[in-house]
Every structure is written in structure tokens, then in C-alpha cells.
Protein backbone atom coordinates (compact mmCIF):
# COMPACT_ATOMS: atom_id res chain seq x y z
CA MET A 1 0.03 -89.65 32.46
CA PHE A 2 2.88 -90.91 33.21
CA SER A 3 5.72 -92.76 31.19
CA ASN A 4 8.87 -95.03 32.48
CA GLY A 5 8.23 -98.37 31.93
CA GLN A 6 10.52 -101.13 32.60
CA SER A 7 11.66 -104.51 30.59
CA ASP A 8 10.97 -107.59 32.30
CA ASN A 9 14.56 -108.61 31.15
CA THR A 10 16.59 -105.89 32.65
CA PRO A 11 18.81 -106.74 35.58
CA PRO A 12 17.44 -105.39 38.90
CA ILE A 13 16.85 -101.90 39.64
CA LEU A 14 17.94 -102.02 43.05
CA GLU A 15 20.99 -104.12 44.36
CA VAL A 16 22.01 -103.91 47.79
CA ARG A 17 25.32 -105.66 48.96
CA ASP A 18 27.04 -106.47 52.28
CA LEU A 19 25.31 -103.39 53.95
CA VAL A 20 25.97 -102.50 57.32
CA LYS A 21 25.02 -99.22 59.83
CA ASP A 22 26.15 -99.12 62.82
CA PHE A 23 24.81 -96.24 65.74
CA GLY A 24 27.31 -96.31 68.23
CA GLY A 25 27.41 -99.84 69.43
CA VAL A 26 24.10 -101.22 67.94
CA ARG A 27 24.19 -102.50 64.54
CA ALA A 28 20.96 -101.74 62.76
CA VAL A 29 21.55 -103.50 59.51
CA ASP A 30 23.80 -106.22 59.73
CA HIS A 31 25.47 -107.47 56.25
CA CYS A 32 22.10 -106.79 54.17
CA SER A 33 21.79 -108.03 50.78
CA LEU A 34 19.17 -107.82 48.59
CA ASP A 35 17.75 -106.96 44.84
CA VAL A 36 14.69 -105.38 43.96
CA ARG A 37 13.31 -106.45 40.01
CA PRO A 38 12.33 -103.48 38.02
CA GLY A 39 8.42 -103.14 37.54
CA THR A 40 7.26 -105.17 41.03
CA ILE A 41 5.62 -104.05 43.68
CA THR A 42 8.26 -105.91 46.36
CA GLY A 43 6.95 -105.97 50.30
CA LEU A 44 9.66 -105.63 52.79
CA ILE A 45 8.22 -106.85 56.20
CA GLY A 46 10.08 -108.02 59.64
CA PRO A 47 9.33 -107.40 63.06
CA ASN A 48 9.89 -104.37 65.17
CA GLY A 49 13.34 -103.17 65.12
CA ALA A 50 14.56 -105.61 62.29
CA GLY A 51 16.40 -102.34 60.13
CA LYS A 52 13.46 -101.82 57.44
CA THR A 53 13.47 -97.80 57.82
CA THR A 54 16.99 -97.83 58.64
CA LEU A 55 17.60 -99.59 55.05
CA PHE A 56 14.99 -97.39 53.57
CA ASN A 57 17.12 -94.21 55.02
CA LEU A 58 20.29 -95.98 53.74
CA ILE A 59 18.87 -96.34 50.15
CA SER A 60 17.78 -92.85 50.18
CA GLY A 61 20.69 -91.13 51.13
CA PHE A 62 19.55 -90.36 54.89
CA HIS A 63 21.90 -92.33 56.20
CA LYS A 64 25.21 -93.17 55.07
CA PRO A 65 26.29 -96.76 55.42
CA THR A 66 29.31 -98.27 57.67
CA SER A 67 30.13 -100.58 54.99
CA GLY A 68 28.56 -102.15 51.90
CA THR A 69 27.35 -101.13 48.60
CA ILE A 70 24.08 -99.77 46.81
CA ALA A 71 23.43 -99.15 43.39
CA PHE A 72 20.30 -97.96 41.48
CA LEU A 73 20.07 -98.16 37.57
CA GLY A 74 23.70 -99.84 38.02
CA ARG A 75 25.25 -96.60 39.42
CA ARG A 76 26.95 -96.60 43.26
CA ILE A 77 24.50 -93.99 45.53
CA ASP A 78 25.66 -94.82 48.57
CA GLY A 79 27.99 -92.23 48.77
CA MET A 80 25.11 -89.54 47.93
CA GLU A 81 23.23 -87.04 49.52
CA ALA A 82 19.42 -87.56 49.90
CA HIS A 83 18.90 -84.75 47.51
CA GLU A 84 20.98 -86.27 44.90
CA THR A 85 19.51 -89.73 45.50
CA PHE A 86 16.18 -87.92 44.40
CA HIS A 87 17.59 -86.56 41.40
CA THR A 88 18.55 -90.43 40.27
CA GLY A 89 14.59 -91.12 40.25
CA LEU A 90 14.61 -92.63 43.26
CA VAL A 91 12.15 -91.44 45.60
CA ARG A 92 10.48 -92.13 48.82
CA THR A 93 7.76 -91.28 51.61
CA PHE A 94 7.49 -91.38 55.17
CA GLN A 95 5.44 -93.20 57.63
CA ILE A 96 4.70 -89.58 59.03
CA PRO A 97 3.66 -87.67 55.92
CA ARG A 98 5.48 -84.15 55.58
CA GLU A 99 3.46 -81.91 53.41
CA PHE A 100 3.49 -78.06 53.52
CA LYS A 101 0.60 -77.65 56.29
CA GLN A 102 -0.21 -74.29 55.42
CA MET A 103 -0.01 -74.69 51.29
CA THR A 104 -2.93 -75.90 49.87
CA VAL A 105 -2.91 -79.33 48.58
CA LEU A 106 -2.75 -78.12 44.51
CA GLU A 107 0.66 -75.91 45.88
CA ASN A 108 2.34 -78.90 47.71
CA LEU A 109 2.35 -81.05 44.24
CA MET A 110 3.12 -77.98 41.81
CA LEU A 111 6.26 -77.72 44.43
CA VAL A 112 7.88 -80.89 43.64
CA PRO A 113 9.16 -80.87 40.11
CA ALA A 114 12.91 -79.76 39.71
CA ASN A 115 14.35 -77.35 37.88
CA GLN A 116 11.35 -74.86 37.82
CA SER A 117 12.35 -71.91 35.52
CA GLY A 118 10.68 -69.30 38.65
CA GLU A 119 13.10 -70.63 41.09
CA ARG A 120 15.68 -68.72 39.54
CA MET A 121 16.10 -65.05 40.09
CA TRP A 122 17.85 -64.21 36.61
CA THR A 123 15.15 -65.78 35.02
CA SER A 124 12.15 -63.93 36.58
CA TRP A 125 14.25 -61.01 35.62
CA PHE A 126 15.48 -61.45 31.87
CA VAL A 127 13.26 -64.29 30.71
CA PRO A 128 9.72 -63.85 32.00
CA TRP A 129 7.85 -65.47 29.75
CA ARG A 130 9.36 -68.57 30.22
CA ILE A 131 8.11 -69.40 33.40
CA ARG A 132 4.43 -69.12 33.09
CA PRO A 133 4.38 -72.01 30.41
CA GLN A 134 5.77 -74.06 32.64
CA GLU A 135 3.93 -73.30 35.53
CA ARG A 136 0.55 -74.28 33.38
CA ALA A 137 2.28 -77.51 32.21
CA ILE A 138 3.05 -78.65 36.09
CA GLU A 139 -0.37 -77.44 37.27
CA ARG A 140 -1.74 -79.70 34.73
CA GLN A 141 0.26 -82.11 35.78
CA ALA A 142 -0.36 -81.85 39.56
CA LEU A 143 -4.54 -81.76 38.63
CA GLU A 144 -3.91 -85.11 36.63
CA THR A 145 -2.52 -86.58 39.66
CA LEU A 146 -5.25 -85.04 41.79
CA GLU A 147 -7.76 -86.23 39.54
CA PHE A 148 -6.03 -89.74 39.30
CA LEU A 149 -5.59 -90.01 43.42
CA ASN A 150 -9.26 -89.02 43.57
CA LEU A 151 -8.28 -85.71 45.60
CA ALA A 152 -9.24 -83.22 42.65
CA HIS A 153 -12.04 -81.85 44.92
CA LEU A 154 -9.47 -80.97 47.88
CA LYS A 155 -7.16 -79.19 45.67
CA ASP A 156 -7.93 -75.38 47.49
CA GLU A 157 -8.07 -77.03 50.74
CA TYR A 158 -4.81 -76.58 53.17
CA ALA A 159 -2.78 -79.58 53.33
CA ALA A 160 -2.91 -79.11 57.46
CA ASN A 161 -6.67 -80.05 56.96
CA LEU A 162 -6.39 -83.59 55.46
CA SER A 163 -7.36 -86.70 57.31
CA GLY A 164 -4.54 -89.25 58.04
CA GLY A 165 -5.97 -91.13 55.03
CA GLN A 166 -5.72 -87.97 52.77
CA LYS A 167 -2.14 -86.82 53.84
CA LYS A 168 -1.07 -90.39 52.91
CA LEU A 169 -2.38 -89.93 49.53
CA LEU A 170 -0.95 -86.81 49.16
CA GLU A 171 2.35 -88.02 49.80
CA LEU A 172 1.78 -90.52 47.19
CA GLY A 173 0.78 -87.77 44.82
CA ARG A 174 3.96 -86.00 45.61
CA THR A 175 6.56 -88.91 44.77
CA LEU A 176 4.44 -89.33 41.47
CA MET A 177 4.57 -85.66 40.71
CA ALA A 178 8.87 -86.27 40.64
CA ARG A 179 8.07 -88.74 37.92
CA PRO A 180 9.97 -91.53 39.66
CA LYS A 181 11.82 -94.64 38.30
CA MET A 182 11.60 -95.86 42.09
CA ILE A 183 9.10 -95.26 44.82
CA LEU A 184 10.11 -96.19 48.54
CA LEU A 185 7.05 -96.20 50.45
CA ASP A 186 6.82 -96.42 54.03
CA GLU A 187 4.04 -97.86 55.96
CA PRO A 188 1.44 -96.37 53.99
CA SER A 189 -1.37 -97.73 55.58
CA ALA A 190 -0.20 -96.68 58.92
CA GLY A 191 -3.00 -94.35 60.91
CA VAL A 192 -5.13 -95.12 57.85
CA SER A 193 -8.87 -96.13 57.91
CA PRO A 194 -9.65 -99.62 56.20
CA ALA A 195 -12.01 -97.96 53.68
CA LEU A 196 -8.90 -95.41 52.51
CA THR A 197 -6.53 -98.27 52.86
CA GLU A 198 -8.35 -100.06 50.09
CA LEU A 199 -8.39 -97.06 47.96
CA LEU A 200 -4.67 -96.53 48.57
CA MET A 201 -4.14 -99.82 47.90
CA GLU A 202 -5.88 -99.65 44.54
CA ASP A 203 -3.97 -96.07 43.38
CA ILE A 204 -0.47 -97.70 44.34
CA ARG A 205 -1.39 -100.97 42.05
CA ARG A 206 -2.80 -98.58 39.34
CA ALA A 207 0.25 -96.33 39.40
CA GLN A 208 2.49 -99.28 38.92
CA GLU A 209 0.38 -100.77 35.87
CA GLU A 210 0.05 -97.68 34.49
CA THR A 211 3.58 -96.44 34.71
CA GLY A 212 5.67 -99.39 35.05
CA ILE A 213 7.07 -98.01 38.17
CA THR A 214 9.10 -100.12 40.88
CA ILE A 215 7.50 -100.02 44.15
CA LEU A 216 9.00 -101.08 47.56
CA ILE A 217 6.98 -101.05 50.68
CA ILE A 218 7.62 -101.47 54.36
CA GLU A 219 4.46 -102.59 55.63
CA HIS A 220 3.21 -103.96 58.91
CA ASN A 221 -0.60 -104.51 57.77
CA MET A 222 -0.22 -108.05 56.13
CA HIS A 223 -3.48 -107.95 54.42
CA VAL A 224 -1.87 -105.06 52.08
CA VAL A 225 1.10 -107.20 51.73
CA MET A 226 -0.34 -110.21 50.71
CA SER A 227 -2.77 -108.54 48.55
CA LEU A 228 -0.51 -106.08 46.73
CA CYS A 229 3.20 -107.05 46.79
CA ASP A 230 5.09 -109.85 44.81
CA PRO A 231 7.63 -110.58 45.95
CA VAL A 232 8.21 -110.33 49.69
CA ILE A 233 11.52 -109.74 51.28
CA VAL A 234 11.44 -110.10 54.78
CA MET A 235 14.12 -109.01 57.46
CA SER A 236 15.36 -109.50 60.80
CA GLU A 237 17.79 -108.36 63.23
CA GLY A 238 19.35 -106.27 61.01
CA LYS A 239 19.53 -109.03 57.45
CA LYS A 240 17.35 -110.48 54.82
CA LEU A 241 15.75 -113.69 56.35
CA THR A 242 14.29 -114.73 53.38
CA GLU A 243 12.21 -114.18 50.19
CA GLY A 244 9.53 -115.27 47.89
CA THR A 245 5.75 -115.13 47.24
CA PRO A 246 3.23 -114.20 49.58
CA GLU A 247 2.01 -117.53 50.06
CA GLU A 248 5.65 -118.86 50.59
CA VAL A 249 6.40 -116.20 53.22
CA GLN A 250 3.29 -117.12 54.64
CA ARG A 251 4.70 -120.89 54.93
CA ASP A 252 8.22 -120.19 56.20
CA GLU A 253 8.88 -121.50 59.35
CA GLU A 254 11.81 -118.98 59.72
CA VAL A 255 9.57 -116.05 59.13
CA LEU A 256 7.08 -117.35 61.94
CA SER A 257 9.96 -118.10 64.30
CA ALA A 258 11.06 -114.45 63.47
CA TYR A 259 7.97 -112.67 64.00
CA LEU A 260 6.76 -114.99 66.88
CA GLY A 261 9.85 -115.45 69.05
CA PHE A 262 10.12 -119.01 69.17
CA ALA A 263 10.63 -121.83 66.94
CA VAL A 264 7.93 -123.37 65.73
CA GLU A 265 7.30 -126.86 65.58
CA GLY A 266 8.90 -128.44 63.07
CA GLY A 267 11.66 -126.02 62.51
CA GLU A 268 15.29 -125.94 63.38
């Protein structure tokens, strides 16, 4: 259905170097450096206020860094606007889904692909025969995506009527419609029932396996992180604290200290 696999021998798909973001007198991201390897589902965890969502906003172009650099596929993107970042193949979701409530589920997906002929007035006037074949192809892609996410039975339902979990699945579907090289998922399980969380996890895993896409996930649900992600990056106080397998991170004394707010026995 989708095709953009990555080789295991390629360099990092995302490189963050010495990134800083200040909001007035508050430093939200503090000289943070990290890499994300292609074809991985990488978890990004940390206590509240660690700077995770601000980092996502910097990577995706919604904020500009105070200093530091961000490279995606070897290209600097830290000066780009959000829509320019989207066109590089880097797509993000939000903790609160941003669906078009008064449009159907199918219409929400069909809006996503860029450079549609029907968006240009001159095409509608002078070469209208070009529009319909493209619309049919986009509709087929949208229906395939809904089938993949087990949402096909809701294709004609208004997005406003979906449950919280279904809206998260729709948000994932919208990112897949962009045929991205990398997705930033911001707390996909937040507000989602345990049953739909399991479905969402399976869809994320299948999307990565079938497409080779790279996924970076902010998530507070440790069951999701430990079941789905490898490696796991831990942030604390605006910077990268450590990185490792789920098992390594779970045993790391610095991580326990950051989450619990005090030094664990045997720690520094």
C-alpha cells in the first residue's frame, strides 16, 4: 500500500544538535542533541515539563530554535516553516486531534495529499479532465488507509462524531495519506480506551513494518513505550538524559531519579 523503506546502513534520518529554545526567561529545551535512526519506532519519554512537546514543535517547524541545528535526511530544516517541513516528508500529529469536524472521515483523508489539480483554478477551467482521475486515485488511497486502520465502516461519518480513540486512528490515517518518510506522534494513547490503545499500537507497528517509515513517539503510557519502542530516548529538564533499549531505560538510575524526583538507592 505504501512504499518508502530505509536501509539499515543509512545515517540518522533525524539529527538534532545542541538545540536550545527559550521562552522569555524560561529555557524549555537546553542544548539537546539526539539522533533517530531510519526504520525505527523510537520512544521519547520524560517527566512533565521535560521539553518533549517543545522539541516536537521545533523539529516540525511550529517553533524556531533559539540556537542549534536540526537536520532531516541530511538537510537543515531548523529555519523552515511548518508547511515546508511537511513537504520534506516529516509529518506530525498532535496530542489533541485536529480533524475537520464537519467533514466525513473519508473527506478528512482526501484533503491531505499535496498539489491536487483541483486546488488550482486554472486547471478547473482549462483542463478539467485532469482532475477526476487524480481524485479517484486519492479516494482509492484514502479507502485503503481506512481499511488498514479498521475505520472503513465509518468513512461517511462526520469526524466530530468519532470517539477519542477513533479520532487518534483518523489522525494516524491522515499522516499516512501524506506518504511521509517520518512521523512524529504526540501521545497517541492519551484519552484512548485500553482496547483502542491496543489497536492503535498494532496499526503503528504494522505501518512501520509495511512501509519502512520512521516513527518518533512521545508517550506517557509506559506499556505502549515498552511494548512498541526500541530505542527509547529519555529527556529531563530540556535535554537528553539517556538512551537505550526499553529494558535498559527501565533499570537506569538516572531515569528513575528524574521521574521520582529523588536519587535512588545506589545512585549518585
